[in-house]
Amino acid sequence: MIVINYISLCLIFGTTFLAIKIGVDTGTPPFFSAGVRFFLAGILLFIWMLLRKEAKLSLLLRKELWFIGLGLTFSTSAALYWAEQYVSSGMAAVLSATGPMIIIIIQVIALHKKITVSSLIGCAIGFVGVFMLILPNLTVKSDGYAVLGCVIILLGETGYAAATVYSKQVNSLFSTMSPITLNAVQMICGGTALIVLSMFTEKINYSSLFTGNTIGSLLYLTIIGSMIGHTIYYWLVVRTNPIFPSTWLYISPIIALIIGHWIYKEAISSISIIGSLTIISGVVIANAGQIRSLIRKPKLE
């Protein structure tokens, strides 16, 4: 079940960069778009879990889930949506791949946790593979906003990494709660913060919200990206460790490359193939211990 969910996660999240780009290119305010996406997805999931009697309204007041929501949803999405106004979806995918490396740094510095040599080498190999795959196909405008966008994405990834580690630390407080419920609450918290930010920083042209691209992007990101994708991610964090689920960030550039070739008829070069193999190798090496444990415990759900 873990392997199936991981593959699904990679496929879903690998397509969200392009979906975000399509929505942003229509002129939809980035913070508003992200806020509506996550708030709506969180509310729908939370109502469903309330009807199943697997959620409590008091969860909406838990500071731990607000901290997680501000990291996983608010900081990451605010940064990514804003930055994709000025950088390509491919560049966004590359920068987002720094997440697992930042997680390792946080664990070492904040938690004084020892990291195996294979994990460090694997992450480094995967990171090199990402750049091998994407850089030949990137076109970046040489202006200040493009550079600022890159920095903003990295800051957002730092919040994402911190929240991922923190969620594992406080998991025992919510051990009886469904990962779906916890994911719904953190999306509501993060989505609320995004909408509040939008109210103070953006002017919304509501007529632009009813174009085909805008609606399609929002529906895809809300239902597939948030309701399904983020639930799977949260489930994997609880069942494995903070690093393993985050390695989808190494796979997403491969998905982006395939979509680019299929939709935009972009050529796939030999360096792209090498980069893809390098990424996969890095993921396997970084998670060698986890993979061995899954093989030894096939009944792990």
Protein backbone atom coordinates (compact mmCIF):
# COMPACT_ATOMS: atom_id res chain seq x y z
CA MET A 1 0.00 0.00 0.00
CA ILE A 2 2.88 2.35 0.78
CA VAL A 3 4.47 1.81 -2.64
CA ILE A 4 1.16 2.29 -4.48
CA ASN A 5 0.42 5.51 -2.59
CA TYR A 6 3.93 6.80 -3.22
CA ILE A 7 3.61 6.25 -6.98
CA SER A 8 0.21 7.96 -6.96
CA LEU A 9 1.68 10.86 -5.02
CA CYS A 10 4.45 11.33 -7.57
CA LEU A 11 2.01 11.31 -10.49
CA ILE A 12 -0.38 13.76 -8.84
CA PHE A 13 2.17 16.23 -7.51
CA GLY A 14 4.22 15.98 -10.69
CA THR A 15 1.39 17.63 -12.63
CA THR A 16 0.47 20.37 -10.14
CA PHE A 17 3.30 22.72 -11.18
CA LEU A 18 1.85 22.99 -14.69
CA ALA A 19 -1.71 23.29 -13.34
CA ILE A 20 -0.64 26.15 -11.07
CA LYS A 21 1.13 27.85 -13.97
CA ILE A 22 -1.99 27.60 -16.15
CA GLY A 23 -4.11 29.19 -13.45
CA VAL A 24 -1.65 31.97 -12.69
CA ASP A 25 -1.23 32.79 -16.40
CA THR A 26 -4.94 33.58 -16.64
CA GLY A 27 -4.42 36.50 -14.27
CA THR A 28 -5.96 34.94 -11.18
CA PRO A 29 -4.42 36.48 -8.01
CA PRO A 30 -1.96 33.86 -6.71
CA PHE A 31 -2.72 34.07 -2.98
CA PHE A 32 -6.47 34.09 -3.58
CA SER A 33 -6.25 31.15 -5.99
CA ALA A 34 -4.15 29.10 -3.57
CA GLY A 35 -6.34 30.03 -0.61
CA VAL A 36 -9.59 29.05 -2.29
CA ARG A 37 -8.06 25.79 -3.46
CA PHE A 38 -6.91 24.63 -0.06
CA PHE A 39 -9.75 26.08 2.01
CA LEU A 40 -12.36 24.48 -0.24
CA ALA A 41 -10.57 21.13 -0.31
CA GLY A 42 -10.11 21.18 3.47
CA ILE A 43 -13.73 22.08 4.18
CA LEU A 44 -15.08 19.34 1.90
CA LEU A 45 -12.83 16.70 3.44
CA PHE A 46 -13.55 17.88 6.98
CA ILE A 47 -17.34 17.79 6.47
CA TRP A 48 -17.03 14.29 5.05
CA MET A 49 -15.05 13.14 8.09
CA LEU A 50 -17.55 14.83 10.44
CA LEU A 51 -20.35 12.87 8.81
CA ARG A 52 -18.31 9.70 9.35
CA LYS A 53 -17.84 10.75 13.00
CA GLU A 54 -14.04 10.70 12.52
CA ALA A 55 -13.47 14.41 13.15
CA LYS A 56 -14.16 16.96 15.87
CA LEU A 57 -14.69 20.71 15.51
CA SER A 58 -12.22 21.26 18.35
CA LEU A 59 -9.41 20.21 15.99
CA LEU A 60 -9.80 23.54 14.20
CA LEU A 61 -8.50 25.25 17.35
CA ARG A 62 -5.41 23.08 17.87
CA LYS A 63 -2.28 25.22 17.60
CA GLU A 64 -0.22 22.23 16.45
CA LEU A 65 -2.36 21.83 13.34
CA TRP A 66 -2.22 25.57 12.68
CA PHE A 67 1.60 25.41 12.79
CA ILE A 68 1.54 22.50 10.34
CA GLY A 69 -0.94 24.29 8.07
CA LEU A 70 1.14 27.46 8.04
CA GLY A 71 4.18 25.43 6.99
CA LEU A 72 2.85 22.74 4.66
CA THR A 73 0.13 24.77 2.98
CA PHE A 74 0.54 28.50 3.59
CA SER A 75 4.28 29.10 3.21
CA THR A 76 4.81 26.61 0.40
CA SER A 77 1.78 27.63 -1.66
CA ALA A 78 2.11 31.37 -1.11
CA ALA A 79 5.70 31.15 -2.31
CA LEU A 80 5.02 28.82 -5.25
CA TYR A 81 1.92 30.57 -6.59
CA TRP A 82 3.50 34.02 -6.35
CA ALA A 83 6.80 32.92 -7.87
CA GLU A 84 5.22 31.16 -10.85
CA GLN A 85 4.18 34.57 -12.12
CA TYR A 86 7.85 35.15 -12.94
CA VAL A 87 9.53 31.73 -13.22
CA SER A 88 8.63 28.70 -15.30
CA SER A 89 6.92 25.66 -13.85
CA GLY A 90 10.12 23.71 -14.58
CA MET A 91 12.22 26.10 -12.53
CA ALA A 92 9.65 25.88 -9.74
CA ALA A 93 9.93 22.08 -9.81
CA VAL A 94 13.73 22.26 -9.59
CA LEU A 95 13.69 24.62 -6.62
CA SER A 96 10.99 22.61 -4.86
CA ALA A 97 13.27 19.57 -5.07
CA THR A 98 15.41 21.15 -2.34
CA GLY A 99 12.77 20.11 0.22
CA PRO A 100 14.32 16.76 1.24
CA MET A 101 17.75 18.36 1.62
CA ILE A 102 16.32 21.09 3.86
CA ILE A 103 14.53 18.42 5.92
CA ILE A 104 17.86 16.70 6.53
CA ILE A 105 19.50 19.98 7.56
CA ILE A 106 16.66 20.75 10.00
CA GLN A 107 16.83 17.27 11.51
CA VAL A 108 20.58 17.55 12.00
CA ILE A 109 20.57 21.09 13.41
CA ALA A 110 17.33 21.19 15.39
CA LEU A 111 16.91 17.56 16.43
CA HIS A 112 20.59 16.53 16.48
CA LYS A 113 19.59 13.49 14.49
CA LYS A 114 22.24 11.36 12.81
CA ILE A 115 21.78 10.91 9.08
CA THR A 116 23.25 7.92 7.29
CA VAL A 117 25.89 8.45 4.67
CA SER A 118 23.69 6.72 2.09
CA SER A 119 20.85 9.21 2.74
CA LEU A 120 23.17 12.16 2.26
CA ILE A 121 24.73 10.69 -0.88
CA GLY A 122 21.33 9.70 -2.27
CA CYS A 123 19.83 13.15 -1.76
CA ALA A 124 22.87 14.75 -3.36
CA ILE A 125 22.68 12.44 -6.37
CA GLY A 126 18.95 13.09 -6.74
CA PHE A 127 19.48 16.84 -6.54
CA VAL A 128 22.14 16.69 -9.26
CA GLY A 129 19.76 14.65 -11.39
CA VAL A 130 17.04 17.27 -11.07
CA PHE A 131 19.31 19.94 -12.47
CA MET A 132 20.52 17.63 -15.24
CA LEU A 133 16.93 17.02 -16.24
CA ILE A 134 15.51 20.54 -16.11
CA LEU A 135 18.28 23.08 -16.67
CA PRO A 136 18.76 22.45 -20.43
CA ASN A 137 15.06 23.22 -20.98
CA LEU A 138 14.74 26.31 -18.80
CA THR A 139 14.34 29.84 -20.06
CA VAL A 140 14.61 32.46 -17.36
CA LYS A 141 14.07 36.19 -17.78
CA SER A 142 17.04 38.13 -16.53
CA ASP A 143 15.11 40.45 -14.24
CA GLY A 144 14.91 41.02 -10.52
CA TYR A 145 11.51 39.38 -10.14
CA ALA A 146 12.77 36.09 -11.56
CA VAL A 147 15.62 36.02 -9.04
CA LEU A 148 13.28 37.04 -6.23
CA GLY A 149 10.86 34.32 -7.26
CA CYS A 150 13.59 31.71 -6.89
CA VAL A 151 14.49 32.97 -3.43
CA ILE A 152 10.82 33.02 -2.38
CA ILE A 153 10.33 29.39 -3.43
CA LEU A 154 13.37 28.35 -1.37
CA LEU A 155 11.96 30.17 1.66
CA GLY A 156 8.64 28.43 1.14
CA GLU A 157 10.41 25.08 0.99
CA THR A 158 12.06 25.85 4.32
CA GLY A 159 8.62 26.28 5.88
CA TYR A 160 7.47 23.08 4.21
CA ALA A 161 10.45 21.14 5.54
CA ALA A 162 10.06 22.47 9.07
CA ALA A 163 6.35 21.61 9.11
CA THR A 164 7.04 18.11 7.79
CA VAL A 165 9.51 17.40 10.59
CA TYR A 166 7.24 19.05 13.18
CA SER A 167 4.23 16.99 12.07
CA LYS A 168 6.17 13.82 12.80
CA GLN A 169 7.14 15.11 16.25
CA VAL A 170 3.54 15.84 17.29
CA ASN A 171 2.03 12.80 15.59
CA SER A 172 1.53 11.06 18.96
CA LEU A 173 -0.92 13.80 19.99
CA PHE A 174 -3.24 12.79 17.17
CA SER A 175 -2.54 9.06 16.97
CA THR A 176 -6.25 8.22 17.12
CA MET A 177 -7.20 10.63 14.34
CA SER A 178 -7.38 9.73 10.66
CA PRO A 179 -4.65 11.24 8.44
CA ILE A 180 -7.47 12.45 6.19
CA THR A 181 -8.94 14.48 9.06
CA LEU A 182 -5.57 15.94 10.02
CA ASN A 183 -4.83 16.83 6.41
CA ALA A 184 -8.23 18.52 6.06
CA VAL A 185 -7.65 20.65 9.16
CA GLN A 186 -4.17 21.77 8.15
CA MET A 187 -5.47 22.72 4.68
CA ILE A 188 -8.28 24.76 6.26
CA CYS A 189 -5.73 26.53 8.46
CA GLY A 190 -3.30 27.19 5.62
CA GLY A 191 -6.06 28.14 3.19
CA THR A 192 -7.54 30.59 5.69
CA ALA A 193 -4.16 32.27 6.12
CA LEU A 194 -3.76 32.53 2.33
CA ILE A 195 -7.19 34.14 1.92
CA VAL A 196 -6.43 36.64 4.69
CA LEU A 197 -3.13 37.48 2.98
CA SER A 198 -4.98 37.95 -0.31
CA MET A 199 -7.48 40.34 1.30
CA PHE A 200 -4.67 42.68 2.30
CA THR A 201 -2.42 42.37 -0.76
CA GLU A 202 -4.48 41.58 -3.88
CA LYS A 203 -7.23 43.13 -5.96
CA ILE A 204 -9.52 40.47 -7.35
CA ASN A 205 -11.14 40.75 -10.80
CA TYR A 206 -13.95 38.24 -10.40
CA SER A 207 -14.71 38.13 -14.12
CA SER A 208 -11.32 36.51 -14.71
CA LEU A 209 -12.25 33.64 -12.40
CA PHE A 210 -14.79 32.15 -14.80
CA THR A 211 -12.56 31.24 -17.74
CA GLY A 212 -12.12 27.63 -18.75
CA ASN A 213 -8.44 27.52 -17.78
CA THR A 214 -9.06 29.10 -14.40
CA ILE A 215 -11.91 26.76 -13.47
CA GLY A 216 -10.10 23.70 -14.80
CA SER A 217 -6.93 24.57 -12.92
CA LEU A 218 -8.82 25.20 -9.68
CA LEU A 219 -10.85 21.99 -9.89
CA TYR A 220 -7.81 19.87 -10.69
CA LEU A 221 -5.68 21.38 -7.94
CA THR A 222 -8.50 21.26 -5.38
CA ILE A 223 -9.76 17.73 -5.96
CA ILE A 224 -6.74 15.86 -7.29
CA GLY A 225 -3.86 17.94 -5.95
CA SER A 226 -5.21 18.83 -2.49
CA MET A 227 -7.97 16.45 -1.48
CA ILE A 228 -6.30 13.34 -2.84
CA GLY A 229 -2.60 14.22 -3.19
CA HIS A 230 -2.07 15.92 0.17
CA THR A 231 -4.03 13.23 1.99
CA ILE A 232 -1.75 10.58 0.52
CA TYR A 233 1.29 12.67 1.47
CA TYR A 234 0.15 13.07 5.08
CA TRP A 235 -0.63 9.34 5.25
CA LEU A 236 2.89 8.50 4.08
CA VAL A 237 4.50 10.86 6.63
CA VAL A 238 2.61 9.13 9.43
CA ARG A 239 3.35 5.60 8.16
CA THR A 240 7.02 6.10 7.22
CA ASN A 241 9.22 9.14 7.98
CA PRO A 242 9.51 12.81 6.98
CA ILE A 243 12.14 12.17 4.28
CA PHE A 244 10.61 9.31 2.28
CA PRO A 245 7.36 11.01 1.12
CA SER A 246 9.27 14.20 0.30
CA THR A 247 11.34 12.43 -2.35
CA TRP A 248 8.42 12.90 -4.75
CA LEU A 249 10.13 16.22 -5.36
CA TYR A 250 12.85 14.33 -7.21
CA ILE A 251 10.31 12.55 -9.44
CA SER A 252 8.16 15.57 -10.33
CA PRO A 253 10.61 16.95 -12.95
CA ILE A 254 10.29 13.65 -14.84
CA ILE A 255 6.51 14.07 -14.91
CA ALA A 256 6.92 17.69 -16.02
CA LEU A 257 9.25 16.58 -18.84
CA ILE A 258 6.73 14.01 -20.12
CA ILE A 259 3.88 16.52 -20.01
CA GLY A 260 6.00 19.08 -21.83
CA HIS A 261 6.81 16.59 -24.58
CA TRP A 262 3.20 15.39 -24.87
CA ILE A 263 1.43 18.75 -24.74
CA TYR A 264 4.05 21.16 -26.10
CA LYS A 265 5.97 18.69 -28.32
CA GLU A 266 9.24 19.40 -26.51
CA ALA A 267 12.17 17.20 -27.49
CA ILE A 268 13.55 14.71 -24.97
CA SER A 269 17.34 14.76 -25.13
CA SER A 270 19.87 12.19 -23.98
CA ILE A 271 20.76 14.41 -21.02
CA SER A 272 17.11 14.24 -19.98
CA ILE A 273 17.21 10.44 -19.97
CA ILE A 274 20.45 10.45 -17.96
CA GLY A 275 18.96 12.97 -15.55
CA SER A 276 15.89 10.80 -15.06
CA LEU A 277 17.99 7.73 -14.26
CA THR A 278 20.12 9.81 -11.89
CA ILE A 279 17.04 11.01 -10.01
CA ILE A 280 15.63 7.51 -9.61
CA SER A 281 19.01 6.23 -8.44
CA GLY A 282 19.23 9.00 -5.88
CA VAL A 283 15.78 8.23 -4.51
CA VAL A 284 16.61 4.54 -4.13
CA ILE A 285 19.94 5.22 -2.41
CA ALA A 286 18.50 7.88 -0.08
CA ASN A 287 15.74 5.55 1.04
CA ALA A 288 17.67 2.28 0.99
CA GLY A 289 16.97 1.60 4.66
CA GLN A 290 13.26 2.34 4.30
CA ILE A 291 12.99 0.18 1.20
CA ARG A 292 14.69 -2.73 2.98
CA SER A 293 12.27 -2.42 5.88
CA LEU A 294 9.31 -2.45 3.49
CA ILE A 295 10.62 -5.61 1.84
CA ARG A 296 11.09 -7.28 5.21
CA LYS A 297 7.63 -6.19 6.41
CA PRO A 298 5.34 -6.59 3.41
CA LYS A 299 2.22 -6.37 5.58
CA LEU A 300 2.99 -2.80 6.66
CA GLU A 301 -0.07 -0.65 5.85
